[in-house]
Amino acid sequence: MNHYLAPLCLFILEAAGLLMHFNVSLDVGVHPPITGQLASGTSVDWNSSFASLFPTKHRPVTLSCLKTICDELVLAHLVPIDFTTYLFTIRFDGLAKSSLSTDQSPSLTNVYPNRLLDVLDIEFVFHYYNPRFTYLELITRFVALLVIELVMALFLGSLRRFAVRDWTTEQKVTAVLLPSLLLFNNPFYSLRYFTGGWFPQAMDYFFQITFFCLLLLVWLCLCHGLRVTKRSFCRFYLPKLLILFVPWVVLVSLATWKTRMEYTDVTFHSSFELSQIKYVGGILIFSGAVYVIVFSLFLFRAFAELYSLSYYALRLKTLTSLSFLVTVVSVLTFVLRFKPDFVLKGSAGTVSSTFQSSDTSNTASWSRSSAEITVFYTMLNAYLIALAVVYSPSKDAFVDSHFKDNPSVSMMNDSDDEDRETVMYEYVVPFLL
C-alpha cells in the first residue's frame, strides 16, 4: 500500500433478515518500520509482530436487513495510509453461531429464544482508490492551474490600459472569478499525499466552497445589476452577501469537521454522524430555496424590462446561456458522484477486494469515477475561459474611449445608462445574436 491508495475503507455485508442488533470491536495493527511510539502511546519495536495504532474501538450497531441481505457497515476508514501492511482484528458480540440453516430450521426462535435472526455469512470488502485515478486527478488539476493562470494574466493584462471605473460589470466579476478559480484548482493539493495532517484536505474544501458561493453571488449581482446603475454596498451587495453567507459558513464548518474526524477517528463515517445534525440540511435547503426565488425574480424582471434593447439582450443571452450550461453539467456531475447506479456499476475510480464473490453493488455509491473528475474541472475552467474571451476588450476600445467621434453620431449612440460602460467586447458569440 502507498499514499495514492487513500482512503482505505473496510465494509461488511451480512446475510440475515429483518433487523440485527450487535456490538462491534475493532483494532487496527501495523508492522512498525522503526522503533518508536505511536499516537496511541504504545511503544513499538521492529521485532514485534504488530502494534496497535489506537485503543480498541467499541460501538453498538443496528442493521436493517431485507431479503437476507443486511445494510453495509463501514468498519474502518484510514486516511492517510502510512504503512504498507495493516492487520484488522474485528470481534462481534451478539452474533451466535447456529448449527442449523434457515432451510433446515422451521423456527429459529426454538434455537435462540431471544433472537429473530441467524447470521449465515459475513463478507468483508476493501475499497481504495486506484492509483491511476489519483494520478489523473493530480494531472488534471495541474493542467487546469497552468491554463487558468495564463488566461488570467492575458485577461487582466488587456484591461490594464483602462481605469477600473471604465470596466463593465461582467469584466469586473470575471476579474474576481479567475483568481478564485485559480485557488479552486488548488496549487497546494499535492500536499495531502505528502503530509499526514487534515489541514490540506480541509483547505481544498474551503477553496471549492468559496468558489461556488462566489459564483452564485456573481450571478445574482449580474442579473440585478443590469437594471440598476447605482450599486451601493448596503442596498445592493449586502442583501446578496447575507443570502450566501449562511450556507457558506455552514458548508465550510461541516467540511472542516468532517475532514478532521476522518483523519483522527478511524471508525468515523459521515452516514452515522450526519443523522445527528439534520438541522444543517434544513438550513441548506432553506437557503437554496431563497436563492432560487431571488435569482428567478431578478432574471424575470431583467428579461421583461431589458430584452427589447439589443445591447442588454445580448448581455442577458450570454449570461443565461453560459450559466445554464454550468448548472446542467453540475447537476449531471452530482448525479454521477452520488448516484453511480444510473451510469455504471463498478466505477473506475475505485478498486474492490472481497474475500468472497457476491453482489456488492450496494457499495457503489462510495465510488468516484474518472469521468466525474474530468468533466467537473473541464466544465468549470472552460466556463471561465469563455467569460474571459467574450468580455475581453477589443484592440480599438482604448482609442474609442479616449477620442471623440462626430458629436452628432455620438449623441445618437450614447445612452444615459451606459455612460460608464465604455469598454466594448472583442468577441461576440454568433448564436447569441
Protein backbone atom coordinates (compact mmCIF):
# COMPACT_ATOMS: atom_id res chain seq x y z
CA MET A 1 0.00 0.00 0.00
CA ASN A 2 1.02 3.63 -0.52
CA HIS A 3 -0.31 7.19 -0.11
CA TYR A 4 -2.03 7.23 -3.50
CA LEU A 5 -4.46 4.47 -2.46
CA ALA A 6 -6.00 6.59 0.31
CA PRO A 7 -8.64 6.48 1.61
CA LEU A 8 -8.99 2.79 2.53
CA CYS A 9 -12.41 1.62 3.71
CA LEU A 10 -13.43 -1.74 5.18
CA PHE A 11 -17.08 -2.76 4.79
CA ILE A 12 -19.06 -5.83 5.85
CA LEU A 13 -22.16 -7.29 4.22
CA GLU A 14 -24.18 -9.68 6.37
CA ALA A 15 -26.62 -12.29 5.13
CA ALA A 16 -29.57 -12.35 7.50
CA GLY A 17 -33.07 -10.85 7.53
CA LEU A 18 -35.25 -8.16 9.13
CA LEU A 19 -33.29 -6.47 11.96
CA MET A 20 -29.96 -7.12 13.67
CA HIS A 21 -28.52 -5.73 16.93
CA PHE A 22 -24.94 -6.45 18.00
CA ASN A 23 -21.69 -4.88 19.20
CA VAL A 24 -18.54 -4.42 17.14
CA SER A 25 -14.96 -4.14 18.42
CA LEU A 26 -12.23 -3.00 16.05
CA ASP A 27 -8.48 -2.98 16.44
CA VAL A 28 -6.06 -1.96 13.67
CA GLY A 29 -2.46 -3.10 13.92
CA VAL A 30 0.59 -2.27 11.83
CA HIS A 31 4.06 -3.69 11.46
CA PRO A 32 6.19 -0.75 12.65
CA PRO A 33 9.15 0.06 10.40
CA ILE A 34 11.21 1.59 13.21
CA THR A 35 11.37 1.65 16.98
CA GLY A 36 9.33 4.45 18.46
CA GLN A 37 5.98 5.42 19.90
CA LEU A 38 2.63 5.56 18.11
CA ALA A 39 -0.06 8.18 18.57
CA SER A 40 -1.93 5.88 20.94
CA GLY A 41 1.08 5.95 23.29
CA THR A 42 2.06 2.34 22.59
CA SER A 43 5.82 1.71 22.42
CA VAL A 44 6.69 -0.33 19.34
CA ASP A 45 9.70 -2.26 18.15
CA TRP A 46 10.63 -3.79 14.80
CA ASN A 47 11.00 -7.20 16.39
CA SER A 48 7.35 -7.21 17.46
CA SER A 49 4.81 -8.65 15.05
CA PHE A 50 2.12 -5.94 15.08
CA ALA A 51 1.40 -2.88 17.20
CA SER A 52 -1.98 -1.24 17.70
CA LEU A 53 -2.48 2.15 16.07
CA PHE A 54 -5.03 3.26 18.66
CA PRO A 55 -7.08 1.85 21.55
CA THR A 56 -9.70 -0.71 20.61
CA LYS A 57 -12.91 0.87 19.33
CA HIS A 58 -16.28 -0.41 20.60
CA ARG A 59 -19.70 0.60 19.34
CA PRO A 60 -23.25 -0.84 19.25
CA VAL A 61 -24.71 -1.40 15.79
CA THR A 62 -28.24 -1.84 14.48
CA LEU A 63 -28.62 -3.02 10.88
CA SER A 64 -31.82 -3.33 8.88
CA CYS A 65 -32.00 -6.36 6.62
CA LEU A 66 -34.13 -7.19 3.60
CA LYS A 67 -34.21 -10.35 1.51
CA THR A 68 -31.44 -11.97 3.60
CA ILE A 69 -29.01 -9.09 2.92
CA CYS A 70 -28.27 -6.51 5.61
CA ASP A 71 -27.13 -2.94 5.17
CA GLU A 72 -23.43 -2.45 4.71
CA LEU A 73 -21.43 -1.27 7.70
CA VAL A 74 -18.27 0.80 7.47
CA LEU A 75 -15.83 -0.65 9.98
CA ALA A 76 -12.71 1.41 9.31
CA HIS A 77 -11.66 4.42 7.29
CA LEU A 78 -7.90 5.03 7.01
CA VAL A 79 -6.66 8.44 5.85
CA PRO A 80 -3.79 8.68 5.15
CA ILE A 81 -2.16 5.28 4.54
CA ASP A 82 1.22 5.50 6.27
CA PHE A 83 2.11 1.79 6.45
CA THR A 84 2.45 -0.97 3.89
CA THR A 85 0.68 -3.62 5.99
CA TYR A 86 -2.39 -3.41 8.23
CA LEU A 87 -3.95 -6.06 10.45
CA PHE A 88 -7.68 -5.68 11.21
CA THR A 89 -8.98 -7.55 14.25
CA ILE A 90 -12.78 -7.49 14.39
CA ARG A 91 -14.91 -9.02 17.14
CA PHE A 92 -18.70 -9.33 17.06
CA ASP A 93 -20.63 -9.61 20.31
CA GLY A 94 -24.17 -10.92 19.96
CA LEU A 95 -23.86 -12.96 16.76
CA ALA A 96 -24.34 -16.53 17.99
CA LYS A 97 -23.48 -19.25 15.51
CA SER A 98 -26.17 -21.80 14.71
CA SER A 99 -25.65 -25.35 13.57
CA LEU A 100 -28.92 -25.18 11.62
CA SER A 101 -29.54 -23.27 8.42
CA THR A 102 -32.71 -21.39 7.59
CA ASP A 103 -33.74 -24.15 5.20
CA GLN A 104 -33.45 -26.83 7.89
CA SER A 105 -34.88 -24.92 10.83
CA PRO A 106 -38.63 -24.31 10.80
CA SER A 107 -38.35 -21.88 13.68
CA LEU A 108 -35.16 -20.15 14.75
CA THR A 109 -36.83 -18.95 17.93
CA ASN A 110 -36.65 -22.54 19.24
CA VAL A 111 -32.87 -22.42 18.94
CA TYR A 112 -32.41 -18.78 20.00
CA PRO A 113 -35.42 -17.67 22.02
CA ASN A 114 -34.07 -14.11 22.33
CA ARG A 115 -33.18 -13.71 18.64
CA LEU A 116 -35.27 -13.47 15.48
CA LEU A 117 -32.38 -13.87 13.04
CA ASP A 118 -29.46 -16.13 12.35
CA VAL A 119 -26.32 -14.84 10.62
CA LEU A 120 -25.23 -17.25 7.93
CA ASP A 121 -22.43 -15.34 6.22
CA ILE A 122 -20.30 -12.22 6.66
CA GLU A 123 -18.47 -10.69 3.72
CA PHE A 124 -15.59 -8.23 4.16
CA VAL A 125 -15.00 -5.67 1.40
CA PHE A 126 -12.00 -3.38 0.97
CA HIS A 127 -12.36 -0.18 -1.05
CA TYR A 128 -9.47 2.01 -2.07
CA TYR A 129 -8.63 4.47 -4.82
CA ASN A 130 -6.98 3.24 -7.97
CA PRO A 131 -3.52 4.93 -8.11
CA ARG A 132 -4.12 5.78 -11.77
CA PHE A 133 -7.21 7.72 -10.73
CA THR A 134 -5.11 9.68 -8.24
CA TYR A 135 -2.53 10.44 -10.91
CA LEU A 136 -5.31 11.58 -13.27
CA GLU A 137 -6.68 13.96 -10.65
CA LEU A 138 -3.24 15.42 -9.96
CA ILE A 139 -2.52 15.92 -13.67
CA THR A 140 -5.98 17.41 -14.34
CA ARG A 141 -5.61 19.92 -11.54
CA PHE A 142 -2.08 20.85 -12.58
CA VAL A 143 -3.00 21.42 -16.24
CA ALA A 144 -6.09 23.44 -15.26
CA LEU A 145 -3.95 25.52 -12.91
CA LEU A 146 -1.48 26.41 -15.66
CA VAL A 147 -4.21 27.22 -18.20
CA ILE A 148 -6.19 29.47 -15.84
CA GLU A 149 -3.02 31.23 -14.73
CA LEU A 150 -2.22 32.04 -18.37
CA VAL A 151 -5.79 33.16 -19.13
CA MET A 152 -5.88 35.35 -16.02
CA ALA A 153 -2.61 37.04 -16.97
CA LEU A 154 -3.82 37.75 -20.53
CA PHE A 155 -7.25 38.98 -19.43
CA LEU A 156 -6.01 41.29 -16.67
CA GLY A 157 -3.23 42.49 -18.96
CA SER A 158 -5.76 43.51 -21.60
CA LEU A 159 -7.73 45.52 -19.01
CA ARG A 160 -4.67 47.25 -17.61
CA ARG A 161 -4.96 50.05 -20.19
CA PHE A 162 -8.29 51.16 -18.75
CA ALA A 163 -9.30 52.64 -15.43
CA VAL A 164 -11.31 50.36 -13.19
CA ARG A 165 -14.29 52.72 -13.38
CA ASP A 166 -14.46 52.07 -17.14
CA TRP A 167 -14.73 48.30 -16.76
CA THR A 168 -18.12 46.73 -17.39
CA THR A 169 -19.82 44.74 -14.66
CA GLU A 170 -19.06 41.49 -16.48
CA GLN A 171 -15.37 42.36 -16.75
CA LYS A 172 -15.18 43.16 -13.04
CA VAL A 173 -16.75 39.89 -11.93
CA THR A 174 -14.60 37.91 -14.38
CA ALA A 175 -11.51 39.55 -12.89
CA VAL A 176 -12.70 38.34 -9.46
CA LEU A 177 -13.69 34.82 -10.55
CA LEU A 178 -10.39 34.00 -12.27
CA PRO A 179 -8.23 34.21 -9.09
CA SER A 180 -10.87 32.27 -7.15
CA LEU A 181 -10.82 29.55 -9.83
CA LEU A 182 -7.04 29.50 -9.54
CA LEU A 183 -7.47 28.65 -5.86
CA PHE A 184 -10.24 26.20 -6.74
CA ASN A 185 -7.71 24.23 -8.80
CA ASN A 186 -5.63 24.35 -5.59
CA PRO A 187 -1.88 24.64 -6.17
CA PHE A 188 -1.41 23.05 -2.72
CA TYR A 189 -3.48 19.94 -3.46
CA SER A 190 -0.49 17.57 -3.69
CA LEU A 191 0.38 18.31 -0.04
CA ARG A 192 -2.34 15.91 1.11
CA TYR A 193 -0.24 13.00 -0.23
CA PHE A 194 2.96 14.13 1.47
CA THR A 195 1.65 15.22 4.86
CA GLY A 196 -0.31 13.26 7.43
CA GLY A 197 -2.43 16.17 8.66
CA TRP A 198 -6.00 17.03 7.77
CA PHE A 199 -5.41 20.72 7.01
CA PRO A 200 -4.53 20.36 3.25
CA GLN A 201 -7.76 18.47 2.58
CA ALA A 202 -9.80 20.97 4.61
CA MET A 203 -8.16 23.80 2.67
CA ASP A 204 -9.20 22.16 -0.60
CA TYR A 205 -12.82 22.01 0.58
CA PHE A 206 -12.60 25.66 1.64
CA PHE A 207 -11.42 26.77 -1.81
CA GLN A 208 -14.15 24.77 -3.57
CA ILE A 209 -16.99 26.00 -1.37
CA THR A 210 -15.78 29.60 -1.60
CA PHE A 211 -15.61 29.47 -5.39
CA PHE A 212 -19.14 28.09 -5.78
CA CYS A 213 -20.62 30.60 -3.34
CA LEU A 214 -18.79 33.42 -5.12
CA LEU A 215 -20.09 32.17 -8.48
CA LEU A 216 -23.66 32.17 -7.18
CA LEU A 217 -23.14 35.68 -5.81
CA VAL A 218 -21.85 36.85 -9.19
CA TRP A 219 -24.95 35.52 -10.96
CA LEU A 220 -27.19 37.44 -8.56
CA CYS A 221 -25.21 40.65 -9.00
CA LEU A 222 -25.21 40.41 -12.79
CA CYS A 223 -28.94 39.75 -13.10
CA HIS A 224 -29.79 42.60 -10.75
CA GLY A 225 -27.00 44.95 -11.83
CA LEU A 226 -28.21 45.17 -15.43
CA ARG A 227 -31.24 47.14 -14.24
CA VAL A 228 -29.51 49.21 -11.56
CA THR A 229 -26.97 51.98 -12.18
CA LYS A 230 -26.36 52.96 -8.53
CA ARG A 231 -24.87 49.99 -6.71
CA SER A 232 -24.24 50.95 -3.10
CA PHE A 233 -22.84 48.33 -0.77
CA CYS A 234 -25.63 48.37 1.81
CA ARG A 235 -28.57 48.26 -0.60
CA PHE A 236 -27.11 46.27 -3.48
CA TYR A 237 -24.37 43.92 -2.25
CA LEU A 238 -25.16 43.35 1.43
CA PRO A 239 -28.52 41.52 0.98
CA LYS A 240 -26.97 39.18 -1.56
CA LEU A 241 -23.99 38.53 0.70
CA LEU A 242 -26.32 37.59 3.55
CA ILE A 243 -28.17 35.08 1.35
CA LEU A 244 -24.95 33.20 0.60
CA PHE A 245 -23.00 33.86 3.79
CA VAL A 246 -25.10 31.46 5.88
CA PRO A 247 -24.68 28.41 3.59
CA TRP A 248 -21.00 29.28 3.12
CA VAL A 249 -20.38 29.23 6.89
CA VAL A 250 -22.40 26.02 7.32
CA LEU A 251 -20.65 24.18 4.48
CA VAL A 252 -17.15 25.29 5.49
CA SER A 253 -17.75 24.30 9.12
CA LEU A 254 -19.25 20.95 8.12
CA ALA A 255 -16.43 20.16 5.67
CA THR A 256 -13.75 21.09 8.22
CA TRP A 257 -15.36 18.97 10.94
CA LYS A 258 -15.82 16.01 8.58
CA THR A 259 -12.22 16.18 7.34
CA ARG A 260 -10.77 16.41 10.83
CA MET A 261 -12.85 13.46 12.06
CA GLU A 262 -11.86 11.31 9.08
CA TYR A 263 -8.18 11.89 9.80
CA THR A 264 -8.39 11.46 13.57
CA ASP A 265 -11.08 8.77 14.06
CA VAL A 266 -10.66 5.57 12.08
CA THR A 267 -14.25 4.46 12.75
CA PHE A 268 -15.82 7.75 11.67
CA HIS A 269 -18.25 7.72 8.76
CA SER A 270 -20.49 10.60 7.76
CA SER A 271 -23.55 8.38 7.28
CA PHE A 272 -23.53 7.63 11.02
CA GLU A 273 -22.96 11.19 12.19
CA LEU A 274 -25.00 13.33 9.79
CA SER A 275 -28.26 11.99 11.20
CA GLN A 276 -27.44 13.86 14.40
CA ILE A 277 -27.11 17.20 12.61
CA LYS A 278 -30.21 17.01 10.43
CA TYR A 279 -30.91 20.68 11.04
CA VAL A 280 -27.92 21.52 8.86
CA GLY A 281 -29.76 20.04 5.89
CA GLY A 282 -32.79 22.16 6.69
CA ILE A 283 -30.69 25.33 6.75
CA LEU A 284 -29.11 24.48 3.40
CA ILE A 285 -32.47 23.65 1.80
CA PHE A 286 -33.99 26.90 3.07
CA SER A 287 -31.02 28.97 1.84
CA GLY A 288 -31.15 27.24 -1.54
CA ALA A 289 -34.87 27.93 -1.89
CA VAL A 290 -34.36 31.61 -1.04
CA TYR A 291 -31.56 31.87 -3.60
CA VAL A 292 -33.62 30.25 -6.37
CA ILE A 293 -36.59 32.56 -5.69
CA VAL A 294 -34.46 35.72 -5.65
CA PHE A 295 -32.45 34.72 -8.71
CA SER A 296 -35.60 33.82 -10.67
CA LEU A 297 -37.16 37.17 -9.75
CA PHE A 298 -34.10 39.14 -10.87
CA LEU A 299 -33.81 37.16 -14.10
CA PHE A 300 -37.51 37.52 -14.95
CA ARG A 301 -37.50 41.27 -14.38
CA ALA A 302 -34.29 41.70 -16.38
CA PHE A 303 -35.78 39.90 -19.39
CA ALA A 304 -39.09 41.75 -19.07
CA GLU A 305 -37.53 45.22 -18.90
CA LEU A 306 -34.33 44.96 -20.96
CA TYR A 307 -34.84 42.26 -23.59
CA SER A 308 -36.15 44.77 -26.12
CA LEU A 309 -32.79 46.61 -26.04
CA SER A 310 -30.34 44.81 -28.32
CA TYR A 311 -27.25 45.61 -26.22
CA TYR A 312 -28.77 44.36 -22.96
CA ALA A 313 -30.44 41.43 -24.73
CA LEU A 314 -27.02 40.25 -25.87
CA ARG A 315 -25.66 40.52 -22.34
CA LEU A 316 -28.62 38.61 -20.93
CA LYS A 317 -28.28 35.83 -23.51
CA THR A 318 -24.57 35.48 -22.80
CA LEU A 319 -25.13 35.33 -19.03
CA THR A 320 -28.05 32.90 -19.09
CA SER A 321 -26.69 30.54 -21.74
CA LEU A 322 -23.33 30.03 -20.03
CA SER A 323 -24.89 29.84 -16.57
CA PHE A 324 -27.48 27.32 -17.76
CA LEU A 325 -24.73 25.15 -19.26
CA VAL A 326 -22.76 25.20 -16.00
CA THR A 327 -25.87 24.33 -13.99
CA VAL A 328 -26.81 21.38 -16.20
CA VAL A 329 -23.30 19.91 -16.18
CA SER A 330 -23.03 20.41 -12.40
CA VAL A 331 -26.30 18.52 -11.84
CA LEU A 332 -25.13 15.69 -14.08
CA THR A 333 -21.82 15.56 -12.22
CA PHE A 334 -23.69 15.46 -8.91
CA VAL A 335 -25.75 12.51 -10.17
CA LEU A 336 -22.59 10.79 -11.37
CA ARG A 337 -20.99 11.32 -7.97
CA PHE A 338 -23.78 10.23 -5.66
CA LYS A 339 -25.95 8.02 -7.89
CA PRO A 340 -23.48 5.98 -9.93
CA ASP A 341 -26.04 3.20 -10.44
CA PHE A 342 -27.65 5.48 -13.05
CA VAL A 343 -24.45 5.38 -15.10
CA LEU A 344 -22.25 2.38 -14.40
CA LYS A 345 -21.82 -0.12 -11.59
CA GLY A 346 -18.25 -0.57 -10.51
CA SER A 347 -16.71 2.84 -11.08
CA ALA A 348 -13.23 3.11 -12.50
CA GLY A 349 -12.21 5.35 -9.65
CA THR A 350 -12.07 2.63 -7.01
CA VAL A 351 -10.92 -0.94 -6.71
CA SER A 352 -12.61 -3.53 -4.50
CA SER A 353 -11.05 -6.58 -2.92
CA THR A 354 -13.51 -9.09 -1.46
CA PHE A 355 -12.97 -12.28 0.49
CA GLN A 356 -15.97 -13.89 -1.20
CA SER A 357 -17.64 -13.29 -4.55
CA SER A 358 -21.11 -11.82 -4.29
CA ASP A 359 -23.06 -8.79 -5.36
CA THR A 360 -21.51 -5.67 -3.84
CA SER A 361 -23.46 -3.11 -5.83
CA ASN A 362 -24.70 -1.53 -2.60
CA THR A 363 -21.24 -0.15 -2.01
CA ALA A 364 -21.08 1.53 -5.44
CA SER A 365 -22.22 4.85 -4.00
CA TRP A 366 -18.81 5.18 -2.33
CA SER A 367 -17.05 5.19 -5.70
CA ARG A 368 -15.72 8.08 -7.73
CA SER A 369 -15.15 7.89 -11.47
CA SER A 370 -12.56 9.39 -13.77
CA ALA A 371 -15.39 10.83 -15.90
CA GLU A 372 -16.62 12.83 -12.91
CA ILE A 373 -13.31 14.49 -12.17
CA THR A 374 -12.58 15.19 -15.85
CA VAL A 375 -15.99 16.66 -16.70
CA PHE A 376 -16.16 18.66 -13.48
CA TYR A 377 -12.86 20.50 -13.83
CA THR A 378 -13.10 20.85 -17.60
CA MET A 379 -16.53 22.43 -17.37
CA LEU A 380 -15.62 25.00 -14.71
CA ASN A 381 -12.36 26.02 -16.34
CA ALA A 382 -13.95 26.20 -19.80
CA TYR A 383 -16.70 28.42 -18.38
CA LEU A 384 -14.24 30.96 -17.00
CA ILE A 385 -12.14 30.82 -20.18
CA ALA A 386 -15.27 31.56 -22.22
CA LEU A 387 -16.08 34.55 -19.99
CA ALA A 388 -12.54 35.88 -20.35
CA VAL A 389 -12.67 35.57 -24.15
CA VAL A 390 -16.14 37.09 -24.55
CA TYR A 391 -15.53 40.01 -22.18
CA SER A 392 -12.01 40.89 -23.30
CA PRO A 393 -11.78 44.47 -24.63
CA SER A 394 -11.21 44.97 -28.33
CA LYS A 395 -8.00 46.40 -29.70
CA ASP A 396 -9.69 49.68 -30.66
CA ALA A 397 -11.53 50.12 -27.36
CA PHE A 398 -8.77 52.27 -25.86
CA VAL A 399 -8.87 54.68 -28.81
CA ASP A 400 -12.68 54.82 -28.85
CA SER A 401 -12.83 55.62 -25.14
CA HIS A 402 -10.31 58.48 -25.27
CA PHE A 403 -11.03 60.15 -28.64
CA LYS A 404 -14.44 61.52 -29.60
CA ASP A 405 -16.22 60.81 -32.89
CA ASN A 406 -18.51 63.10 -34.75
CA PRO A 407 -20.63 64.69 -31.97
CA SER A 408 -23.88 64.15 -33.84
CA VAL A 409 -23.17 60.43 -34.28
CA SER A 410 -22.01 60.07 -30.68
CA MET A 411 -25.21 61.60 -29.34
CA MET A 412 -27.27 59.12 -31.33
CA ASN A 413 -25.36 56.14 -29.93
CA ASP A 414 -24.94 57.29 -26.32
CA SER A 415 -27.27 56.13 -23.57
CA ASP A 416 -27.79 57.56 -20.11
CA ASP A 417 -27.49 54.09 -18.59
CA GLU A 418 -24.27 53.21 -20.41
CA ASP A 419 -22.10 56.24 -19.67
CA ARG A 420 -19.67 54.22 -17.57
CA GLU A 421 -19.52 51.08 -19.70
CA THR A 422 -17.21 52.32 -22.47
CA VAL A 423 -15.15 49.15 -22.89
CA MET A 424 -16.55 47.13 -25.81
CA TYR A 425 -16.28 43.38 -26.20
CA GLU A 426 -13.96 41.95 -28.79
CA TYR A 427 -15.79 38.69 -29.42
CA VAL A 428 -19.49 38.13 -29.95
CA VAL A 429 -20.89 34.62 -29.93
CA PRO A 430 -22.81 34.23 -33.25
CA PHE A 431 -25.68 32.15 -31.90
CA LEU A 432 -26.45 34.80 -29.27
CA LEU A 433 -27.25 37.48 -31.85
